Amino acid sequence: MIETIDSISPDDLEQPVNVQAAARFLGVSSSLVYAYVERKQIPHYRMMGRSIRFRLSELAKWRQQFHITESRIIQ
């Protein structure tokens, strides 16, 4: 199971993964990943027409834009 980017080798970050693996990596449901794809909100590509694939390196960058640090929290 893919949980953290630190536990993944650099070569594996570039290997294409399916929707289920992308969902596990992001910590969301597969249906939410499909919704992101439909709305073109997540980096993805299609293989042979309908097969959706992701690169974990791109997902990690995409996920970072939603990361909130203490300095960004307005009190």
PDB file of N, CA and C in Angstrom:
ATOM      1  N   MET A   1       0.843  -1.178   0.000  1.00  0.00           N
ATOM      2  CA  MET A   1       0.000   0.000   0.000  1.00  0.00           C
ATOM      3  C   MET A   1       0.893   1.247   0.000  1.00  0.00           C
ATOM      4  N   ILE A   2       0.528   2.238  -0.785  1.00  0.00           N
ATOM      5  CA  ILE A   2       1.279   3.479  -0.888  1.00  0.00           C
ATOM      6  C   ILE A   2       0.746   4.446   0.156  1.00  0.00           C
ATOM      7  N   GLU A   3       1.618   4.874   1.070  1.00  0.00           N
ATOM      8  CA  GLU A   3       1.149   5.777   2.122  1.00  0.00           C
ATOM      9  C   GLU A   3       1.874   7.108   2.126  1.00  0.00           C
ATOM     10  N   THR A   4       3.201   7.076   2.081  1.00  0.00           N
ATOM     11  CA  THR A   4       3.945   8.329   2.122  1.00  0.00           C
ATOM     12  C   THR A   4       4.911   8.390   0.967  1.00  0.00           C
ATOM     13  N   ILE A   5       5.226   9.585   0.558  1.00  0.00           N
ATOM     14  CA  ILE A   5       6.148   9.773  -0.557  1.00  0.00           C
ATOM     15  C   ILE A   5       7.566   9.376  -0.162  1.00  0.00           C
ATOM     16  N   ASP A   6       7.897   9.448   1.133  1.00  0.00           N
ATOM     17  CA  ASP A   6       9.232   9.083   1.601  1.00  0.00           C
ATOM     18  C   ASP A   6       9.515   7.599   1.436  1.00  0.00           C
ATOM     19  N   SER A   7       8.486   6.771   1.454  1.00  0.00           N
ATOM     20  CA  SER A   7       8.673   5.325   1.360  1.00  0.00           C
ATOM     21  C   SER A   7       8.705   4.827  -0.086  1.00  0.00           C
ATOM     22  N   ILE A   8       8.683   5.735  -1.050  1.00  0.00           N
ATOM     23  CA  ILE A   8       8.630   5.369  -2.461  1.00  0.00           C
ATOM     24  C   ILE A   8       9.958   5.710  -3.122  1.00  0.00           C
ATOM     25  N   SER A   9      10.473   4.774  -3.909  1.00  0.00           N
ATOM     26  CA  SER A   9      11.733   5.041  -4.603  1.00  0.00           C
ATOM     27  C   SER A   9      11.495   6.053  -5.725  1.00  0.00           C
ATOM     28  N   PRO A  10      12.532   6.804  -6.109  1.00  0.00           N
ATOM     29  CA  PRO A  10      12.372   7.808  -7.179  1.00  0.00           C
ATOM     30  C   PRO A  10      11.859   7.218  -8.490  1.00  0.00           C
ATOM     31  N   ASP A  11      12.273   5.989  -8.810  1.00  0.00           N
ATOM     32  CA  ASP A  11      11.792   5.357 -10.041  1.00  0.00           C
ATOM     33  C   ASP A  11      10.290   5.083  -9.978  1.00  0.00           C
ATOM     34  N   ASP A  12       9.819   4.675  -8.798  1.00  0.00           N
ATOM     35  CA  ASP A  12       8.390   4.389  -8.646  1.00  0.00           C
ATOM     36  C   ASP A  12       7.531   5.641  -8.737  1.00  0.00           C
ATOM     37  N   LEU A  13       8.099   6.800  -8.420  1.00  0.00           N
ATOM     38  CA  LEU A  13       7.342   8.054  -8.510  1.00  0.00           C
ATOM     39  C   LEU A  13       6.940   8.361  -9.949  1.00  0.00           C
ATOM     40  N   GLU A  14       7.703   7.856 -10.907  1.00  0.00           N
ATOM     41  CA  GLU A  14       7.426   8.137 -12.312  1.00  0.00           C
ATOM     42  C   GLU A  14       6.606   7.046 -12.990  1.00  0.00           C
ATOM     43  N   GLN A  15       6.400   5.927 -12.321  1.00  0.00           N
ATOM     44  CA  GLN A  15       5.606   4.844 -12.901  1.00  0.00           C
ATOM     45  C   GLN A  15       4.123   5.214 -12.866  1.00  0.00           C
ATOM     46  N   PRO A  16       3.398   4.913 -13.940  1.00  0.00           N
ATOM     47  CA  PRO A  16       1.963   5.218 -13.924  1.00  0.00           C
ATOM     48  C   PRO A  16       1.214   4.332 -12.935  1.00  0.00           C
ATOM     49  N   VAL A  17       0.271   4.941 -12.218  1.00  0.00           N
ATOM     50  CA  VAL A  17      -0.575   4.188 -11.285  1.00  0.00           C
ATOM     51  C   VAL A  17      -2.038   4.415 -11.659  1.00  0.00           C
ATOM     52  N   ASN A  18      -2.882   3.491 -11.227  1.00  0.00           N
ATOM     53  CA  ASN A  18      -4.306   3.590 -11.546  1.00  0.00           C
ATOM     54  C   ASN A  18      -5.051   4.456 -10.525  1.00  0.00           C
ATOM     55  N   VAL A  19      -6.344   4.575 -10.706  1.00  0.00           N
ATOM     56  CA  VAL A  19      -7.179   5.424  -9.855  1.00  0.00           C
ATOM     57  C   VAL A  19      -7.144   4.963  -8.397  1.00  0.00           C
ATOM     58  N   GLN A  20      -7.204   3.658  -8.180  1.00  0.00           N
ATOM     59  CA  GLN A  20      -7.233   3.147  -6.812  1.00  0.00           C
ATOM     60  C   GLN A  20      -5.930   3.477  -6.078  1.00  0.00           C
ATOM     61  N   ALA A  21      -4.785   3.310  -6.737  1.00  0.00           N
ATOM     62  CA  ALA A  21      -3.497   3.625  -6.110  1.00  0.00           C
ATOM     63  C   ALA A  21      -3.372   5.125  -5.864  1.00  0.00           C
ATOM     64  N   ALA A  22      -3.852   5.933  -6.805  1.00  0.00           N
ATOM     65  CA  ALA A  22      -3.819   7.388  -6.633  1.00  0.00           C
ATOM     66  C   ALA A  22      -4.687   7.797  -5.442  1.00  0.00           C
ATOM     67  N   ALA A  23      -5.853   7.172  -5.306  1.00  0.00           N
ATOM     68  CA  ALA A  23      -6.746   7.479  -4.188  1.00  0.00           C
ATOM     69  C   ALA A  23      -6.097   7.121  -2.855  1.00  0.00           C
ATOM     70  N   ARG A  24      -5.443   5.964  -2.791  1.00  0.00           N
ATOM     71  CA  ARG A  24      -4.750   5.574  -1.553  1.00  0.00           C
ATOM     72  C   ARG A  24      -3.633   6.561  -1.227  1.00  0.00           C
ATOM     73  N   PHE A  25      -2.870   6.965  -2.238  1.00  0.00           N
ATOM     74  CA  PHE A  25      -1.777   7.908  -2.046  1.00  0.00           C
ATOM     75  C   PHE A  25      -2.281   9.246  -1.513  1.00  0.00           C
ATOM     76  N   LEU A  26      -3.426   9.694  -2.039  1.00  0.00           N
ATOM     77  CA  LEU A  26      -3.994  10.983  -1.642  1.00  0.00           C
ATOM     78  C   LEU A  26      -4.838  10.888  -0.374  1.00  0.00           C
ATOM     79  N   GLY A  27      -5.226   9.682   0.005  1.00  0.00           N
ATOM     80  CA  GLY A  27      -6.056   9.508   1.196  1.00  0.00           C
ATOM     81  C   GLY A  27      -7.504   9.888   0.973  1.00  0.00           C
ATOM     82  N   VAL A  28      -7.981   9.671  -0.257  1.00  0.00           N
ATOM     83  CA  VAL A  28      -9.373   9.980  -0.602  1.00  0.00           C
ATOM     84  C   VAL A  28      -9.990   8.756  -1.277  1.00  0.00           C
ATOM     85  N   SER A  29     -11.272   8.829  -1.560  1.00  0.00           N
ATOM     86  CA  SER A  29     -11.945   7.720  -2.226  1.00  0.00           C
ATOM     87  C   SER A  29     -11.675   7.740  -3.731  1.00  0.00           C
ATOM     88  N   SER A  30     -11.844   6.580  -4.349  1.00  0.00           N
ATOM     89  CA  SER A  30     -11.699   6.484  -5.804  1.00  0.00           C
ATOM     90  C   SER A  30     -12.722   7.368  -6.510  1.00  0.00           C
ATOM     91  N   SER A  31     -13.920   7.450  -5.960  1.00  0.00           N
ATOM     92  CA  SER A  31     -14.958   8.263  -6.601  1.00  0.00           C
ATOM     93  C   SER A  31     -14.582   9.744  -6.597  1.00  0.00           C
ATOM     94  N   LEU A  32     -13.898  10.199  -5.551  1.00  0.00           N
ATOM     95  CA  LEU A  32     -13.449  11.590  -5.521  1.00  0.00           C
ATOM     96  C   LEU A  32     -12.354  11.824  -6.570  1.00  0.00           C
ATOM     97  N   VAL A  33     -11.468  10.858  -6.742  1.00  0.00           N
ATOM     98  CA  VAL A  33     -10.434  10.975  -7.773  1.00  0.00           C
ATOM     99  C   VAL A  33     -11.087  11.060  -9.149  1.00  0.00           C
ATOM    100  N   TYR A  34     -12.085  10.207  -9.406  1.00  0.00           N
ATOM    101  CA  TYR A  34     -12.812  10.271 -10.684  1.00  0.00           C
ATOM    102  C   TYR A  34     -13.464  11.643 -10.872  1.00  0.00           C
ATOM    103  N   ALA A  35     -14.006  12.201  -9.804  1.00  0.00           N
ATOM    104  CA  ALA A  35     -14.632  13.530  -9.894  1.00  0.00           C
ATOM    105  C   ALA A  35     -13.589  14.594 -10.231  1.00  0.00           C
ATOM    106  N   TYR A  36     -12.410  14.520  -9.608  1.00  0.00           N
ATOM    107  CA  TYR A  36     -11.330  15.454  -9.931  1.00  0.00           C
ATOM    108  C   TYR A  36     -10.927  15.341 -11.402  1.00  0.00           C
ATOM    109  N   VAL A  37     -10.855  14.110 -11.899  1.00  0.00           N
ATOM    110  CA  VAL A  37     -10.492  13.884 -13.306  1.00  0.00           C
ATOM    111  C   VAL A  37     -11.548  14.488 -14.221  1.00  0.00           C
ATOM    112  N   GLU A  38     -12.805  14.232 -13.918  1.00  0.00           N
ATOM    113  CA  GLU A  38     -13.900  14.744 -14.748  1.00  0.00           C
ATOM    114  C   GLU A  38     -13.882  16.265 -14.818  1.00  0.00           C
ATOM    115  N   ARG A  39     -13.544  16.905 -13.702  1.00  0.00           N
ATOM    116  CA  ARG A  39     -13.492  18.369 -13.654  1.00  0.00           C
ATOM    117  C   ARG A  39     -12.133  18.931 -14.060  1.00  0.00           C
ATOM    118  N   LYS A  40     -11.222  18.019 -14.461  1.00  0.00           N
ATOM    119  CA  LYS A  40      -9.859  18.411 -14.872  1.00  0.00           C
ATOM    120  C   LYS A  40      -9.133  19.181 -13.770  1.00  0.00           C
ATOM    121  N   GLN A  41      -9.293  18.720 -12.530  1.00  0.00           N
ATOM    122  CA  GLN A  41      -8.682  19.379 -11.379  1.00  0.00           C
ATOM    123  C   GLN A  41      -7.443  18.664 -10.870  1.00  0.00           C
ATOM    124  N   ILE A  42      -7.094  17.543 -11.471  1.00  0.00           N
ATOM    125  CA  ILE A  42      -5.971  16.747 -10.991  1.00  0.00           C
ATOM    126  C   ILE A  42      -5.116  16.330 -12.189  1.00  0.00           C
ATOM    127  N   PRO A  43      -3.788  16.331 -12.051  1.00  0.00           N
ATOM    128  CA  PRO A  43      -2.951  15.922 -13.181  1.00  0.00           C
ATOM    129  C   PRO A  43      -3.123  14.427 -13.473  1.00  0.00           C
ATOM    130  N   HIS A  44      -3.464  14.117 -14.700  1.00  0.00           N
ATOM    131  CA  HIS A  44      -3.693  12.732 -15.109  1.00  0.00           C
ATOM    132  C   HIS A  44      -3.476  12.610 -16.611  1.00  0.00           C
ATOM    133  N   TYR A  45      -3.449  11.401 -17.078  1.00  0.00           N
ATOM    134  CA  TYR A  45      -3.428  11.156 -18.518  1.00  0.00           C
ATOM    135  C   TYR A  45      -4.168   9.863 -18.805  1.00  0.00           C
ATOM    136  N   ARG A  46      -4.559   9.706 -20.037  1.00  0.00           N
ATOM    137  CA  ARG A  46      -5.327   8.535 -20.436  1.00  0.00           C
ATOM    138  C   ARG A  46      -4.483   7.641 -21.331  1.00  0.00           C
ATOM    139  N   MET A  47      -4.577   6.361 -21.077  1.00  0.00           N
ATOM    140  CA  MET A  47      -3.897   5.374 -21.908  1.00  0.00           C
ATOM    141  C   MET A  47      -4.948   4.629 -22.709  1.00  0.00           C
ATOM    142  N   MET A  48      -4.759   4.592 -23.986  1.00  0.00           N
ATOM    143  CA  MET A  48      -5.667   3.849 -24.871  1.00  0.00           C
ATOM    144  C   MET A  48      -7.120   4.295 -24.709  1.00  0.00           C
ATOM    145  N   GLY A  49      -7.324   5.584 -24.598  1.00  0.00           N
ATOM    146  CA  GLY A  49      -8.682   6.115 -24.580  1.00  0.00           C
ATOM    147  C   GLY A  49      -9.297   6.319 -23.222  1.00  0.00           C
ATOM    148  N   ARG A  50      -9.641   5.229 -22.512  1.00  0.00           N
ATOM    149  CA  ARG A  50     -10.413   5.368 -21.277  1.00  0.00           C
ATOM    150  C   ARG A  50      -9.629   5.092 -20.005  1.00  0.00           C
ATOM    151  N   SER A  51      -8.519   4.428 -20.092  1.00  0.00           N
ATOM    152  CA  SER A  51      -7.749   4.046 -18.921  1.00  0.00           C
ATOM    153  C   SER A  51      -7.018   5.266 -18.336  1.00  0.00           C
ATOM    154  N   ILE A  52      -7.357   5.639 -17.111  1.00  0.00           N
ATOM    155  CA  ILE A  52      -6.801   6.833 -16.475  1.00  0.00           C
ATOM    156  C   ILE A  52      -5.580   6.434 -15.654  1.00  0.00           C
ATOM    157  N   ARG A  53      -4.495   7.192 -15.811  1.00  0.00           N
ATOM    158  CA  ARG A  53      -3.267   6.935 -15.062  1.00  0.00           C
ATOM    159  C   ARG A  53      -2.726   8.225 -14.468  1.00  0.00           C
ATOM    160  N   PHE A  54      -1.932   8.069 -13.425  1.00  0.00           N
ATOM    161  CA  PHE A  54      -1.346   9.193 -12.700  1.00  0.00           C
ATOM    162  C   PHE A  54       0.124   8.891 -12.438  1.00  0.00           C
ATOM    163  N   ARG A  55       0.919   9.933 -12.269  1.00  0.00           N
ATOM    164  CA  ARG A  55       2.294   9.783 -11.781  1.00  0.00           C
ATOM    165  C   ARG A  55       2.308  10.319 -10.355  1.00  0.00           C
ATOM    166  N   LEU A  56       2.861   9.517  -9.448  1.00  0.00           N
ATOM    167  CA  LEU A  56       2.877   9.921  -8.040  1.00  0.00           C
ATOM    168  C   LEU A  56       3.658  11.206  -7.833  1.00  0.00           C
ATOM    169  N   SER A  57       4.691  11.436  -8.645  1.00  0.00           N
ATOM    170  CA  SER A  57       5.456  12.684  -8.509  1.00  0.00           C
ATOM    171  C   SER A  57       4.570  13.889  -8.801  1.00  0.00           C
ATOM    172  N   GLU A  58       3.697  13.773  -9.802  1.00  0.00           N
ATOM    173  CA  GLU A  58       2.781  14.877 -10.124  1.00  0.00           C
ATOM    174  C   GLU A  58       1.710  15.031  -9.053  1.00  0.00           C
ATOM    175  N   LEU A  59       1.232  13.903  -8.529  1.00  0.00           N
ATOM    176  CA  LEU A  59       0.220  13.968  -7.470  1.00  0.00           C
ATOM    177  C   LEU A  59       0.794  14.583  -6.196  1.00  0.00           C
ATOM    178  N   ALA A  60       2.050  14.288  -5.904  1.00  0.00           N
ATOM    179  CA  ALA A  60       2.679  14.855  -4.704  1.00  0.00           C
ATOM    180  C   ALA A  60       2.765  16.374  -4.819  1.00  0.00           C
ATOM    181  N   LYS A  61       3.143  16.867  -5.987  1.00  0.00           N
ATOM    182  CA  LYS A  61       3.200  18.319  -6.208  1.00  0.00           C
ATOM    183  C   LYS A  61       1.807  18.929  -6.117  1.00  0.00           C
ATOM    184  N   TRP A  62       0.832  18.261  -6.717  1.00  0.00           N
ATOM    185  CA  TRP A  62      -0.547  18.747  -6.711  1.00  0.00           C
ATOM    186  C   TRP A  62      -1.080  18.799  -5.285  1.00  0.00           C
ATOM    187  N   ARG A  63      -0.775  17.759  -4.504  1.00  0.00           N
ATOM    188  CA  ARG A  63      -1.249  17.679  -3.119  1.00  0.00           C
ATOM    189  C   ARG A  63      -0.645  18.781  -2.253  1.00  0.00           C
ATOM    190  N   GLN A  64       0.597  19.164  -2.538  1.00  0.00           N
ATOM    191  CA  GLN A  64       1.271  20.202  -1.757  1.00  0.00           C
ATOM    192  C   GLN A  64       0.543  21.541  -1.788  1.00  0.00           C
ATOM    193  N   GLN A  65      -0.157  21.841  -2.868  1.00  0.00           N
ATOM    194  CA  GLN A  65      -0.841  23.133  -2.944  1.00  0.00           C
ATOM    195  C   GLN A  65      -1.979  23.241  -1.932  1.00  0.00           C
ATOM    196  N   PHE A  66      -2.394  22.118  -1.363  1.00  0.00           N
ATOM    197  CA  PHE A  66      -3.473  22.125  -0.374  1.00  0.00           C
ATOM    198  C   PHE A  66      -2.953  21.991   1.049  1.00  0.00           C
ATOM    199  N   HIS A  67      -1.653  21.865   1.199  1.00  0.00           N
ATOM    200  CA  HIS A  67      -1.047  21.692   2.519  1.00  0.00           C
ATOM    201  C   HIS A  67      -1.041  23.046   3.243  1.00  0.00           C
ATOM    202  N   ILE A  68      -1.576  23.056   4.440  1.00  0.00           N
ATOM    203  CA  ILE A  68      -1.647  24.296   5.220  1.00  0.00           C
ATOM    204  C   ILE A  68      -0.633  24.220   6.346  1.00  0.00           C
ATOM    205  N   THR A  69       0.241  25.198   6.399  1.00  0.00           N
ATOM    206  CA  THR A  69       1.209  25.272   7.487  1.00  0.00           C
ATOM    207  C   THR A  69       0.701  26.256   8.540  1.00  0.00           C
ATOM    208  N   GLU A  70       1.321  26.240   9.700  1.00  0.00           N
ATOM    209  CA  GLU A  70       0.894  27.138  10.777  1.00  0.00           C
ATOM    210  C   GLU A  70       0.987  28.585  10.353  1.00  0.00           C
ATOM    211  N   SER A  71       1.996  28.924   9.566  1.00  0.00           N
ATOM    212  CA  SER A  71       2.182  30.324   9.159  1.00  0.00           C
ATOM    213  C   SER A  71       1.065  30.792   8.224  1.00  0.00           C
ATOM    214  N   ARG A  72       0.368  29.839   7.577  1.00  0.00           N
ATOM    215  CA  ARG A  72      -0.714  30.220   6.666  1.00  0.00           C
ATOM    216  C   ARG A  72      -2.077  30.288   7.352  1.00  0.00           C
ATOM    217  N   ILE A  73      -2.151  29.845   8.578  1.00  0.00           N
ATOM    218  CA  ILE A  73      -3.420  29.863   9.322  1.00  0.00           C
ATOM    219  C   ILE A  73      -3.633  31.256   9.900  1.00  0.00           C
ATOM    220  N   ILE A  74      -4.773  31.832   9.605  1.00  0.00           N
ATOM    221  CA  ILE A  74      -5.109  33.171  10.114  1.00  0.00           C
ATOM    222  C   ILE A  74      -5.876  33.000  11.418  1.00  0.00           C
ATOM    223  N   GLN A  75      -5.380  33.654  12.436  1.00  0.00           N
ATOM    224  CA  GLN A  75      -6.055  33.534  13.738  1.00  0.00           C
ATOM    225  C   GLN A  75      -6.745  34.811  14.105  1.00  0.00           C
TER     226      GLN A  75
END
